[in-house]
PDB file of N, CA and C in Angstrom:
ATOM      1  N   MET A   1      73.596 114.586 117.296  1.00  0.00           N
ATOM      2  CA  MET A   1      74.065 114.412 115.910  1.00  0.00           C
ATOM      3  C   MET A   1      75.550 114.574 116.017  1.00  0.00           C
ATOM      4  N   ALA A   2      76.470 113.689 115.496  1.00  0.00           N
ATOM      5  CA  ALA A   2      77.833 113.548 115.469  1.00  0.00           C
ATOM      6  C   ALA A   2      78.266 114.741 114.477  1.00  0.00           C
ATOM      7  N   ARG A   3      79.355 115.420 114.917  1.00  0.00           N
ATOM      8  CA  ARG A   3      79.936 116.590 114.142  1.00  0.00           C
ATOM      9  C   ARG A   3      80.983 115.844 113.152  1.00  0.00           C
ATOM     10  N   ILE A   4      80.879 116.230 112.106  1.00  0.00           N
ATOM     11  CA  ILE A   4      81.897 115.667 111.103  1.00  0.00           C
ATOM     12  C   ILE A   4      83.025 116.908 110.962  1.00  0.00           C
ATOM     13  N   SER A   5      84.233 116.398 110.958  1.00  0.00           N
ATOM     14  CA  SER A   5      85.323 117.410 110.878  1.00  0.00           C
ATOM     15  C   SER A   5      86.100 117.017 109.741  1.00  0.00           C
ATOM     16  N   LEU A   6      86.500 117.983 108.897  1.00  0.00           N
ATOM     17  CA  LEU A   6      87.285 117.724 107.749  1.00  0.00           C
ATOM     18  C   LEU A   6      88.816 117.807 108.095  1.00  0.00           C
ATOM     19  N   ARG A   7      89.004 118.478 109.276  1.00  0.00           N
ATOM     20  CA  ARG A   7      90.415 118.557 109.779  1.00  0.00           C
ATOM     21  C   ARG A   7      90.913 117.081 110.214  1.00  0.00           C
ATOM     22  N   LYS A   8      92.071 116.714 109.645  1.00  0.00           N
ATOM     23  CA  LYS A   8      92.591 115.300 109.922  1.00  0.00           C
ATOM     24  C   LYS A   8      93.752 115.498 110.739  1.00  0.00           C
ATOM     25  N   LYS A   9      94.088 114.567 111.425  1.00  0.00           N
ATOM     26  CA  LYS A   9      95.461 114.330 112.162  1.00  0.00           C
ATOM     27  C   LYS A   9      96.341 113.441 111.114  1.00  0.00           C
ATOM     28  N   VAL A  10      97.297 114.151 110.755  1.00  0.00           N
ATOM     29  CA  VAL A  10      98.143 113.453 109.584  1.00  0.00           C
ATOM     30  C   VAL A  10      99.559 113.320 110.090  1.00  0.00           C
ATOM     31  N   TYR A  11      99.994 111.899 109.882  1.00  0.00           N
ATOM     32  CA  TYR A  11     101.375 111.352 110.150  1.00  0.00           C
ATOM     33  C   TYR A  11     102.118 111.591 108.934  1.00  0.00           C
ATOM     34  N   ILE A  12     103.393 112.124 108.919  1.00  0.00           N
ATOM     35  CA  ILE A  12     104.281 112.182 107.728  1.00  0.00           C
ATOM     36  C   ILE A  12     105.189 110.888 107.841  1.00  0.00           C
ATOM     37  N   ALA A  13     105.139 110.172 106.859  1.00  0.00           N
ATOM     38  CA  ALA A  13     106.199 108.933 106.758  1.00  0.00           C
ATOM     39  C   ALA A  13     107.067 109.103 105.472  1.00  0.00           C
ATOM     40  N   GLY A  14     108.291 108.537 105.678  1.00  0.00           N
ATOM     41  CA  GLY A  14     109.036 108.549 104.533  1.00  0.00           C
ATOM     42  C   GLY A  14     110.585 108.134 104.818  1.00  0.00           C
ATOM     43  N   PRO A  15     111.395 108.088 103.736  1.00  0.00           N
ATOM     44  CA  PRO A  15     112.786 107.740 104.178  1.00  0.00           C
ATOM     45  C   PRO A  15     113.513 109.019 104.988  1.00  0.00           C
ATOM     46  N   MET A  16     114.308 108.344 105.827  1.00  0.00           N
ATOM     47  CA  MET A  16     115.119 109.241 106.696  1.00  0.00           C
ATOM     48  C   MET A  16     116.712 108.842 106.727  1.00  0.00           C
ATOM     49  N   THR A  17     116.805 107.573 107.100  1.00  0.00           N
ATOM     50  CA  THR A  17     118.139 106.828 107.392  1.00  0.00           C
ATOM     51  C   THR A  17     118.990 106.960 106.030  1.00  0.00           C
ATOM     52  N   GLY A  18     120.270 107.679 106.391  1.00  0.00           N
ATOM     53  CA  GLY A  18     121.217 107.787 105.452  1.00  0.00           C
ATOM     54  C   GLY A  18     121.055 108.997 104.339  1.00  0.00           C
ATOM     55  N   LEU A  19     119.968 109.667 104.576  1.00  0.00           N
ATOM     56  CA  LEU A  19     119.777 110.781 103.667  1.00  0.00           C
ATOM     57  C   LEU A  19     120.420 112.074 104.363  1.00  0.00           C
ATOM     58  N   ILE A  20     120.607 112.998 103.564  1.00  0.00           N
ATOM     59  CA  ILE A  20     121.156 114.407 104.028  1.00  0.00           C
ATOM     60  C   ILE A  20     120.236 114.986 105.033  1.00  0.00           C
ATOM     61  N   ASP A  21     120.752 115.388 106.105  1.00  0.00           N
ATOM     62  CA  ASP A  21     119.795 115.877 107.123  1.00  0.00           C
ATOM     63  C   ASP A  21     118.549 115.066 107.536  1.00  0.00           C
ATOM     64  N   CYS A  22     118.678 113.856 107.411  1.00  0.00           N
ATOM     65  CA  CYS A  22     117.612 112.748 107.551  1.00  0.00           C
ATOM     66  C   CYS A  22     116.363 113.041 106.783  1.00  0.00           C
ATOM     67  N   ASN A  23     116.470 113.797 105.542  1.00  0.00           N
ATOM     68  CA  ASN A  23     115.330 114.157 104.694  1.00  0.00           C
ATOM     69  C   ASN A  23     114.429 115.082 105.401  1.00  0.00           C
ATOM     70  N   ARG A  24     114.813 115.798 106.396  1.00  0.00           N
ATOM     71  CA  ARG A  24     114.069 116.638 107.268  1.00  0.00           C
ATOM     72  C   ARG A  24     113.364 117.809 106.327  1.00  0.00           C
ATOM     73  N   PRO A  25     114.017 118.360 105.411  1.00  0.00           N
ATOM     74  CA  PRO A  25     113.399 119.438 104.589  1.00  0.00           C
ATOM     75  C   PRO A  25     112.176 118.876 103.874  1.00  0.00           C
ATOM     76  N   GLU A  26     112.208 117.656 103.383  1.00  0.00           N
ATOM     77  CA  GLU A  26     110.947 117.155 102.710  1.00  0.00           C
ATOM     78  C   GLU A  26     109.907 116.775 103.673  1.00  0.00           C
ATOM     79  N   PHE A  27     110.268 116.326 104.808  1.00  0.00           N
ATOM     80  CA  PHE A  27     109.150 116.207 105.921  1.00  0.00           C
ATOM     81  C   PHE A  27     108.646 117.417 106.321  1.00  0.00           C
ATOM     82  N   HIS A  28     109.435 118.451 106.484  1.00  0.00           N
ATOM     83  CA  HIS A  28     108.816 119.828 107.038  1.00  0.00           C
ATOM     84  C   HIS A  28     107.995 120.293 105.905  1.00  0.00           C
ATOM     85  N   ALA A  29     108.536 120.373 104.657  1.00  0.00           N
ATOM     86  CA  ALA A  29     107.724 120.852 103.618  1.00  0.00           C
ATOM     87  C   ALA A  29     106.337 120.218 103.493  1.00  0.00           C
ATOM     88  N   ALA A  30     106.245 118.945 103.671  1.00  0.00           N
ATOM     89  CA  ALA A  30     105.010 118.161 103.587  1.00  0.00           C
ATOM     90  C   ALA A  30     104.155 118.560 104.830  1.00  0.00           C
ATOM     91  N   ALA A  31     104.713 118.713 105.980  1.00  0.00           N
ATOM     92  CA  ALA A  31     104.037 119.073 107.185  1.00  0.00           C
ATOM     93  C   ALA A  31     103.400 120.494 107.120  1.00  0.00           C
ATOM     94  N   ASP A  32     104.267 121.383 106.426  1.00  0.00           N
ATOM     95  CA  ASP A  32     103.811 122.775 106.058  1.00  0.00           C
ATOM     96  C   ASP A  32     102.642 122.762 105.266  1.00  0.00           C
ATOM     97  N   CYS A  33     102.615 122.019 104.233  1.00  0.00           N
ATOM     98  CA  CYS A  33     101.471 121.899 103.233  1.00  0.00           C
ATOM     99  C   CYS A  33     100.251 121.361 103.978  1.00  0.00           C
ATOM    100  N   GLN A  34     100.488 120.217 104.683  1.00  0.00           N
ATOM    101  CA  GLN A  34      99.280 119.669 105.524  1.00  0.00           C
ATOM    102  C   GLN A  34      98.560 120.702 106.405  1.00  0.00           C
ATOM    103  N   ARG A  35      99.359 121.384 107.244  1.00  0.00           N
ATOM    104  CA  ARG A  35      98.959 122.484 108.210  1.00  0.00           C
ATOM    105  C   ARG A  35      98.262 123.577 107.394  1.00  0.00           C
ATOM    106  N   ALA A  36      98.790 123.870 106.113  1.00  0.00           N
ATOM    107  CA  ALA A  36      98.202 125.039 105.399  1.00  0.00           C
ATOM    108  C   ALA A  36      96.765 124.462 105.058  1.00  0.00           C
ATOM    109  N   LEU A  37      96.540 123.173 104.752  1.00  0.00           N
ATOM    110  CA  LEU A  37      95.152 122.665 104.659  1.00  0.00           C
ATOM    111  C   LEU A  37      94.344 122.635 105.793  1.00  0.00           C
ATOM    112  N   GLY A  38      94.940 122.852 106.889  1.00  0.00           N
ATOM    113  CA  GLY A  38      94.139 122.862 108.095  1.00  0.00           C
ATOM    114  C   GLY A  38      94.125 121.670 109.178  1.00  0.00           C
ATOM    115  N   HIS A  39      95.168 120.755 108.717  1.00  0.00           N
ATOM    116  CA  HIS A  39      95.348 119.504 109.396  1.00  0.00           C
ATOM    117  C   HIS A  39      96.175 119.634 110.658  1.00  0.00           C
ATOM    118  N   VAL A  40      96.107 118.829 111.478  1.00  0.00           N
ATOM    119  CA  VAL A  40      96.942 118.573 112.582  1.00  0.00           C
ATOM    120  C   VAL A  40      98.147 117.736 112.212  1.00  0.00           C
ATOM    121  N   VAL A  41      99.350 118.005 112.309  1.00  0.00           N
ATOM    122  CA  VAL A  41     100.358 117.116 111.679  1.00  0.00           C
ATOM    123  C   VAL A  41     101.331 116.578 112.899  1.00  0.00           C
ATOM    124  N   LEU A  42     101.607 115.398 112.646  1.00  0.00           N
ATOM    125  CA  LEU A  42     102.576 114.700 113.628  1.00  0.00           C
ATOM    126  C   LEU A  42     103.652 114.282 112.812  1.00  0.00           C
ATOM    127  N   ASN A  43     104.731 114.798 113.019  1.00  0.00           N
ATOM    128  CA  ASN A  43     106.018 114.853 112.129  1.00  0.00           C
ATOM    129  C   ASN A  43     107.110 114.219 112.713  1.00  0.00           C
ATOM    130  N   PRO A  44     107.597 113.035 112.446  1.00  0.00           N
ATOM    131  CA  PRO A  44     108.602 112.292 113.092  1.00  0.00           C
ATOM    132  C   PRO A  44     110.076 113.105 112.838  1.00  0.00           C
ATOM    133  N   ALA A  45     110.080 113.959 111.711  1.00  0.00           N
ATOM    134  CA  ALA A  45     111.327 114.759 111.560  1.00  0.00           C
ATOM    135  C   ALA A  45     111.683 115.789 112.784  1.00  0.00           C
ATOM    136  N   THR A  46     110.652 116.004 113.656  1.00  0.00           N
ATOM    137  CA  THR A  46     110.889 116.913 114.681  1.00  0.00           C
ATOM    138  C   THR A  46     111.440 116.323 115.836  1.00  0.00           C
ATOM    139  N   LEU A  47     111.754 114.979 115.900  1.00  0.00           N
ATOM    140  CA  LEU A  47     112.239 114.176 116.863  1.00  0.00           C
ATOM    141  C   LEU A  47     113.746 114.580 117.048  1.00  0.00           C
ATOM    142  N   PRO A  48     114.334 114.402 118.182  1.00  0.00           N
ATOM    143  CA  PRO A  48     115.894 114.833 118.396  1.00  0.00           C
ATOM    144  C   PRO A  48     116.773 113.800 117.609  1.00  0.00           C
ATOM    145  N   ASP A  49     118.016 114.270 117.396  1.00  0.00           N
ATOM    146  CA  ASP A  49     118.990 113.327 116.776  1.00  0.00           C
ATOM    147  C   ASP A  49     119.381 112.437 117.932  1.00  0.00           C
ATOM    148  N   ASP A  50     120.235 111.325 117.382  1.00  0.00           N
ATOM    149  CA  ASP A  50     120.981 110.624 118.301  1.00  0.00           C
ATOM    150  C   ASP A  50     120.055 109.427 119.147  1.00  0.00           C
ATOM    151  N   LEU A  51     118.857 109.154 118.673  1.00  0.00           N
ATOM    152  CA  LEU A  51     118.188 107.936 119.169  1.00  0.00           C
ATOM    153  C   LEU A  51     118.477 106.768 118.144  1.00  0.00           C
ATOM    154  N   THR A  52     118.282 105.534 118.617  1.00  0.00           N
ATOM    155  CA  THR A  52     118.429 104.492 117.660  1.00  0.00           C
ATOM    156  C   THR A  52     117.150 104.238 116.938  1.00  0.00           C
ATOM    157  N   GLU A  53     117.438 103.641 115.945  1.00  0.00           N
ATOM    158  CA  GLU A  53     116.079 103.294 115.085  1.00  0.00           C
ATOM    159  C   GLU A  53     114.940 102.468 115.767  1.00  0.00           C
ATOM    160  N   PRO A  54     115.331 101.618 116.780  1.00  0.00           N
ATOM    161  CA  PRO A  54     114.254 100.976 117.596  1.00  0.00           C
ATOM    162  C   PRO A  54     113.464 102.010 118.446  1.00  0.00           C
ATOM    163  N   GLU A  55     114.493 102.976 118.990  1.00  0.00           N
ATOM    164  CA  GLU A  55     113.745 104.092 119.840  1.00  0.00           C
ATOM    165  C   GLU A  55     112.944 105.038 119.042  1.00  0.00           C
ATOM    166  N   TYR A  56     113.411 105.366 117.788  1.00  0.00           N
ATOM    167  CA  TYR A  56     112.355 106.247 117.083  1.00  0.00           C
ATOM    168  C   TYR A  56     111.221 105.555 116.598  1.00  0.00           C
ATOM    169  N   MET A  57     111.256 104.140 116.302  1.00  0.00           N
ATOM    170  CA  MET A  57     109.972 103.429 115.936  1.00  0.00           C
ATOM    171  C   MET A  57     109.130 103.358 117.231  1.00  0.00           C
ATOM    172  N   SER A  58     109.838 103.199 118.467  1.00  0.00           N
ATOM    173  CA  SER A  58     108.866 103.037 119.593  1.00  0.00           C
ATOM    174  C   SER A  58     107.999 104.431 119.981  1.00  0.00           C
ATOM    175  N   ILE A  59     108.640 105.448 119.303  1.00  0.00           N
ATOM    176  CA  ILE A  59     107.912 106.747 119.508  1.00  0.00           C
ATOM    177  C   ILE A  59     106.924 106.983 118.429  1.00  0.00           C
ATOM    178  N   CYS A  60     107.460 106.677 117.113  1.00  0.00           N
ATOM    179  CA  CYS A  60     106.685 106.984 116.024  1.00  0.00           C
ATOM    180  C   CYS A  60     105.188 106.094 115.816  1.00  0.00           C
ATOM    181  N   MET A  61     105.393 104.805 116.165  1.00  0.00           N
ATOM    182  CA  MET A  61     104.217 103.982 116.101  1.00  0.00           C
ATOM    183  C   MET A  61     103.052 104.492 116.777  1.00  0.00           C
ATOM    184  N   PRO A  62     103.179 104.817 118.057  1.00  0.00           N
ATOM    185  CA  PRO A  62     102.039 105.499 118.849  1.00  0.00           C
ATOM    186  C   PRO A  62     101.753 106.838 118.181  1.00  0.00           C
ATOM    187  N   MET A  63     102.621 107.594 117.577  1.00  0.00           N
ATOM    188  CA  MET A  63     102.268 108.873 116.942  1.00  0.00           C
ATOM    189  C   MET A  63     101.246 108.632 115.818  1.00  0.00           C
ATOM    190  N   LEU A  64     101.603 107.552 114.983  1.00  0.00           N
ATOM    191  CA  LEU A  64     100.808 107.263 114.041  1.00  0.00           C
ATOM    192  C   LEU A  64      99.362 106.684 114.496  1.00  0.00           C
ATOM    193  N   MET A  65      99.287 106.024 115.543  1.00  0.00           N
ATOM    194  CA  MET A  65      98.159 105.455 115.939  1.00  0.00           C
ATOM    195  C   MET A  65      97.185 106.494 116.388  1.00  0.00           C
ATOM    196  N   CYS A  66      97.720 107.748 116.579  1.00  0.00           N
ATOM    197  CA  CYS A  66      96.893 108.850 117.067  1.00  0.00           C
ATOM    198  C   CYS A  66      96.161 109.522 115.825  1.00  0.00           C
ATOM    199  N   CYS A  67      96.398 109.102 114.609  1.00  0.00           N
ATOM    200  CA  CYS A  67      96.136 109.785 113.335  1.00  0.00           C
ATOM    201  C   CYS A  67      95.014 109.215 112.689  1.00  0.00           C
ATOM    202  N   ASP A  68      94.534 110.004 111.806  1.00  0.00           N
ATOM    203  CA  ASP A  68      93.399 109.595 110.902  1.00  0.00           C
ATOM    204  C   ASP A  68      93.916 109.172 109.553  1.00  0.00           C
ATOM    205  N   ARG A  69      95.093 109.745 109.215  1.00  0.00           N
ATOM    206  CA  ARG A  69      95.730 109.608 107.823  1.00  0.00           C
ATOM    207  C   ARG A  69      97.244 109.388 107.932  1.00  0.00           C
ATOM    208  N   ILE A  70      97.948 108.653 106.954  1.00  0.00           N
ATOM    209  CA  ILE A  70      99.274 108.689 106.886  1.00  0.00           C
ATOM    210  C   ILE A  70      99.533 109.412 105.427  1.00  0.00           C
ATOM    211  N   TYR A  71     100.556 110.208 105.556  1.00  0.00           N
ATOM    212  CA  TYR A  71     101.003 110.803 104.277  1.00  0.00           C
ATOM    213  C   TYR A  71     102.394 110.346 103.985  1.00  0.00           C
ATOM    214  N   LEU A  72     102.535 109.557 102.907  1.00  0.00           N
ATOM    215  CA  LEU A  72     103.757 108.930 102.491  1.00  0.00           C
ATOM    216  C   LEU A  72     104.462 109.707 101.503  1.00  0.00           C
ATOM    217  N   LEU A  73     105.720 110.082 101.734  1.00  0.00           N
ATOM    218  CA  LEU A  73     106.545 110.730 100.983  1.00  0.00           C
ATOM    219  C   LEU A  73     107.065 109.967  99.846  1.00  0.00           C
ATOM    220  N   ASP A  74     107.509 110.544  98.735  1.00  0.00           N
ATOM    221  CA  ASP A  74     108.054 109.740  97.621  1.00  0.00           C
ATOM    222  C   ASP A  74     109.291 108.926  98.260  1.00  0.00           C
ATOM    223  N   ASN A  75     109.441 107.746  97.571  1.00  0.00           N
ATOM    224  CA  ASN A  75     110.432 106.785  97.860  1.00  0.00           C
ATOM    225  C   ASN A  75     110.173 106.170  99.208  1.00  0.00           C
ATOM    226  N   TRP A  76     109.067 106.334  99.799  1.00  0.00           N
ATOM    227  CA  TRP A  76     108.869 105.746 101.204  1.00  0.00           C
ATOM    228  C   TRP A  76     109.030 104.201 101.135  1.00  0.00           C
ATOM    229  N   ALA A  77     108.942 103.538 100.096  1.00  0.00           N
ATOM    230  CA  ALA A  77     109.114 102.144 100.069  1.00  0.00           C
ATOM    231  C   ALA A  77     110.450 101.683 100.293  1.00  0.00           C
ATOM    232  N   SER A  78     111.427 102.564 100.134  1.00  0.00           N
ATOM    233  CA  SER A  78     112.944 102.325 100.239  1.00  0.00           C
ATOM    234  C   SER A  78     113.212 102.398 101.765  1.00  0.00           C
ATOM    235  N   SER A  79     112.202 102.660 102.726  1.00  0.00           N
ATOM    236  CA  SER A  79     112.518 102.815 104.191  1.00  0.00           C
ATOM    237  C   SER A  79     111.747 101.629 104.821  1.00  0.00           C
ATOM    238  N   ASP A  80     112.690 100.825 105.725  1.00  0.00           N
ATOM    239  CA  ASP A  80     111.994  99.858 106.385  1.00  0.00           C
ATOM    240  C   ASP A  80     110.992 100.385 107.429  1.00  0.00           C
ATOM    241  N   GLY A  81     111.301 101.494 108.067  1.00  0.00           N
ATOM    242  CA  GLY A  81     110.434 102.174 109.031  1.00  0.00           C
ATOM    243  C   GLY A  81     109.274 102.628 108.375  1.00  0.00           C
ATOM    244  N   ALA A  82     109.090 103.181 107.225  1.00  0.00           N
ATOM    245  CA  ALA A  82     107.980 103.649 106.536  1.00  0.00           C
ATOM    246  C   ALA A  82     107.172 102.598 106.058  1.00  0.00           C
ATOM    247  N   LYS A  83     107.840 101.588 105.665  1.00  0.00           N
ATOM    248  CA  LYS A  83     106.892 100.403 105.321  1.00  0.00           C
ATOM    249  C   LYS A  83     106.116  99.653 106.466  1.00  0.00           C
ATOM    250  N   ALA A  84     106.987  99.712 107.568  1.00  0.00           N
ATOM    251  CA  ALA A  84     106.361  99.244 108.803  1.00  0.00           C
ATOM    252  C   ALA A  84     105.101 100.258 109.176  1.00  0.00           C
ATOM    253  N   GLU A  85     105.359 101.470 109.076  1.00  0.00           N
ATOM    254  CA  GLU A  85     104.237 102.420 109.292  1.00  0.00           C
ATOM    255  C   GLU A  85     103.147 102.368 108.365  1.00  0.00           C
ATOM    256  N   TYR A  86     103.249 102.172 107.118  1.00  0.00           N
ATOM    257  CA  TYR A  86     102.424 101.925 106.212  1.00  0.00           C
ATOM    258  C   TYR A  86     101.545 100.704 106.543  1.00  0.00           C
ATOM    259  N   ALA A  87     102.169  99.635 106.936  1.00  0.00           N
ATOM    260  CA  ALA A  87     101.462  98.405 107.148  1.00  0.00           C
ATOM    261  C   ALA A  87     100.644  98.553 108.442  1.00  0.00           C
ATOM    262  N   LEU A  88     101.088  99.380 109.442  1.00  0.00           N
ATOM    263  CA  LEU A  88     100.180  99.610 110.592  1.00  0.00           C
ATOM    264  C   LEU A  88      98.996 100.494 110.120  1.00  0.00           C
ATOM    265  N   ALA A  89      99.298 101.465 109.335  1.00  0.00           N
ATOM    266  CA  ALA A  89      98.342 102.363 108.885  1.00  0.00           C
ATOM    267  C   ALA A  89      97.218 101.697 108.329  1.00  0.00           C
ATOM    268  N   LYS A  90      97.513 100.784 107.318  1.00  0.00           N
ATOM    269  CA  LYS A  90      96.543  99.914 106.488  1.00  0.00           C
ATOM    270  C   LYS A  90      95.807  99.068 107.579  1.00  0.00           C
ATOM    271  N   LYS A  91      96.504  98.279 108.582  1.00  0.00           N
ATOM    272  CA  LYS A  91      95.919  97.496 109.524  1.00  0.00           C
ATOM    273  C   LYS A  91      94.811  98.231 110.359  1.00  0.00           C
ATOM    274  N   LEU A  92      95.055  99.459 110.688  1.00  0.00           N
ATOM    275  CA  LEU A  92      94.248 100.378 111.384  1.00  0.00           C
ATOM    276  C   LEU A  92      93.081 100.990 110.622  1.00  0.00           C
ATOM    277  N   GLY A  93      93.124 100.742 109.348  1.00  0.00           N
ATOM    278  CA  GLY A  93      92.186 101.446 108.530  1.00  0.00           C
ATOM    279  C   GLY A  93      92.371 102.961 108.259  1.00  0.00           C
ATOM    280  N   LEU A  94      93.544 103.470 108.532  1.00  0.00           N
ATOM    281  CA  LEU A  94      93.807 104.926 108.300  1.00  0.00           C
ATOM    282  C   LEU A  94      93.668 105.253 106.724  1.00  0.00           C
ATOM    283  N   GLU A  95      93.346 106.526 106.508  1.00  0.00           N
ATOM    284  CA  GLU A  95      93.284 107.070 105.273  1.00  0.00           C
ATOM    285  C   GLU A  95      94.834 107.137 104.831  1.00  0.00           C
ATOM    286  N   ILE A  96      95.215 106.576 103.599  1.00  0.00           N
ATOM    287  CA  ILE A  96      96.493 106.527 103.114  1.00  0.00           C
ATOM    288  C   ILE A  96      96.634 107.560 101.925  1.00  0.00           C
ATOM    289  N   VAL A  97      97.609 108.410 101.940  1.00  0.00           N
ATOM    290  CA  VAL A  97      97.697 109.381 100.947  1.00  0.00           C
ATOM    291  C   VAL A  97      99.245 109.454 100.512  1.00  0.00           C
ATOM    292  N   PHE A  98      99.546 109.273  99.177  1.00  0.00           N
ATOM    293  CA  PHE A  98     100.893 109.317  98.681  1.00  0.00           C
ATOM    294  C   PHE A  98     101.252 110.699  98.066  1.00  0.00           C
ATOM    295  N   GLN A  99     102.426 111.069  98.333  1.00  0.00           N
ATOM    296  CA  GLN A  99     102.947 112.336  97.761  1.00  0.00           C
ATOM    297  C   GLN A  99     102.958 112.197  96.221  1.00  0.00           C
ATOM    298  N   GLU A 100     103.378 111.223  95.661  1.00  0.00           N
ATOM    299  CA  GLU A 100     103.311 111.061  94.173  1.00  0.00           C
ATOM    300  C   GLU A 100     103.888 112.259  93.521  1.00  0.00           C
ATOM    301  N   GLY A 101     105.066 112.776  93.769  1.00  0.00           N
ATOM    302  CA  GLY A 101     105.650 113.945  93.058  1.00  0.00           C
ATOM    303  C   GLY A 101     105.187 115.433  93.314  1.00  0.00           C
ATOM    304  N   ILE A 102     104.298 115.461  94.423  1.00  0.00           N
ATOM    305  CA  ILE A 102     103.792 116.979  94.646  1.00  0.00           C
ATOM    306  C   ILE A 102     104.975 117.733  95.149  1.00  0.00           C
ATOM    307  N   ASP A 103     105.022 118.934  94.402  1.00  0.00           N
ATOM    308  CA  ASP A 103     106.087 119.720  94.861  1.00  0.00           C
ATOM    309  C   ASP A 103     105.446 120.747  95.909  1.00  0.00           C
ATOM    310  N   HIS A 104     105.975 120.511  97.170  1.00  0.00           N
ATOM    311  CA  HIS A 104     105.265 121.157  98.266  1.00  0.00           C
ATOM    312  C   HIS A 104     105.465 122.756  98.262  1.00  0.00           C
ATOM    313  N   GLU A 105     106.630 123.169  97.729  1.00  0.00           N
ATOM    314  CA  GLU A 105     106.713 124.664  97.490  1.00  0.00           C
ATOM    315  C   GLU A 105     105.759 125.313  96.828  1.00  0.00           C
ATOM    316  N   VAL A 106     105.448 124.610  95.634  1.00  0.00           N
ATOM    317  CA  VAL A 106     104.466 125.155  94.769  1.00  0.00           C
ATOM    318  C   VAL A 106     103.069 125.052  95.334  1.00  0.00           C
ATOM    319  N   ALA A 107     102.774 123.844  96.003  1.00  0.00           N
ATOM    320  CA  ALA A 107     101.411 123.758  96.715  1.00  0.00           C
ATOM    321  C   ALA A 107     101.241 124.757  97.623  1.00  0.00           C
ATOM    322  N   LEU A 108     102.404 125.053  98.536  1.00  0.00           N
ATOM    323  CA  LEU A 108     102.133 126.207  99.518  1.00  0.00           C
ATOM    324  C   LEU A 108     101.848 127.553  98.983  1.00  0.00           C
ATOM    325  N   ILE A 109     102.605 127.776  97.848  1.00  0.00           N
ATOM    326  CA  ILE A 109     102.315 128.982  97.195  1.00  0.00           C
ATOM    327  C   ILE A 109     100.839 129.092  96.842  1.00  0.00           C
ATOM    328  N   GLY A 110     100.230 128.081  96.148  1.00  0.00           N
ATOM    329  CA  GLY A 110      98.921 127.990  95.843  1.00  0.00           C
ATOM    330  C   GLY A 110      97.930 127.996  96.958  1.00  0.00           C
ATOM    331  N   LEU A 111      98.356 127.402  97.994  1.00  0.00           N
ATOM    332  CA  LEU A 111      97.454 127.477  99.265  1.00  0.00           C
ATOM    333  C   LEU A 111      97.380 128.769  99.875  1.00  0.00           C
ATOM    334  N   ARG A 112      98.455 129.465 100.004  1.00  0.00           N
ATOM    335  CA  ARG A 112      98.463 130.737 100.622  1.00  0.00           C
ATOM    336  C   ARG A 112      98.132 131.897  99.722  1.00  0.00           C
ATOM    337  N   GLY A 113      98.431 131.551  98.457  1.00  0.00           N
ATOM    338  CA  GLY A 113      97.906 132.766  97.554  1.00  0.00           C
ATOM    339  C   GLY A 113      98.664 134.079  97.543  1.00  0.00           C
ATOM    340  N   ASP A 114      99.887 133.981  98.180  1.00  0.00           N
ATOM    341  CA  ASP A 114     100.657 135.050  98.238  1.00  0.00           C
ATOM    342  C   ASP A 114     101.911 135.157  97.348  1.00  0.00           C
ATOM    343  N   GLY A 115     102.054 134.086  96.640  1.00  0.00           N
ATOM    344  CA  GLY A 115     103.124 134.088  95.643  1.00  0.00           C
ATOM    345  C   GLY A 115     104.496 133.629  96.248  1.00  0.00           C
ATOM    346  N   GLU A 116     104.282 133.290  97.604  1.00  0.00           N
ATOM    347  CA  GLU A 116     105.690 132.796  98.224  1.00  0.00           C
ATOM    348  C   GLU A 116     105.611 131.941  99.113  1.00  0.00           C
ATOM    349  N   ALA A 117     106.261 130.742  99.266  1.00  0.00           N
ATOM    350  CA  ALA A 117     106.297 129.807 100.179  1.00  0.00           C
ATOM    351  C   ALA A 117     107.033 130.205 101.441  1.00  0.00           C
ATOM    352  N   HIS A 118     106.524 129.906 102.654  1.00  0.00           N
ATOM    353  CA  HIS A 118     107.136 130.270 103.833  1.00  0.00           C
ATOM    354  C   HIS A 118     107.405 128.942 104.613  1.00  0.00           C
ATOM    355  N   TYR A 119     108.889 128.950 104.963  1.00  0.00           N
ATOM    356  CA  TYR A 119     109.434 127.812 105.771  1.00  0.00           C
ATOM    357  C   TYR A 119     109.898 128.292 107.012  1.00  0.00           C
TER     358      TYR A 119
END
């Protein structure tokens, strides 16, 4: 009998280029929230600075291909890279989840039940 796991491998996608600190705080907050839910997270915001956009995409697409789910941050459609990741996720039949205004700090407080978000 096949074992069904609720634990997912989740890829975080969203806008980075041109944003303060490449939007890393939002990526990390989303990743923390997904980890608190018990998922394995692949977060492109952990990649080093100073790569070109084609180099980032050549790393990120295989990361996405290892996942069951893509988690799209707010304003993801303003990013050519995130739109490409969305298209690939859709083509691969991955589960697609949208942030849709979720306040990750509030979500983490609720998930941990300790009244404090930990970053």
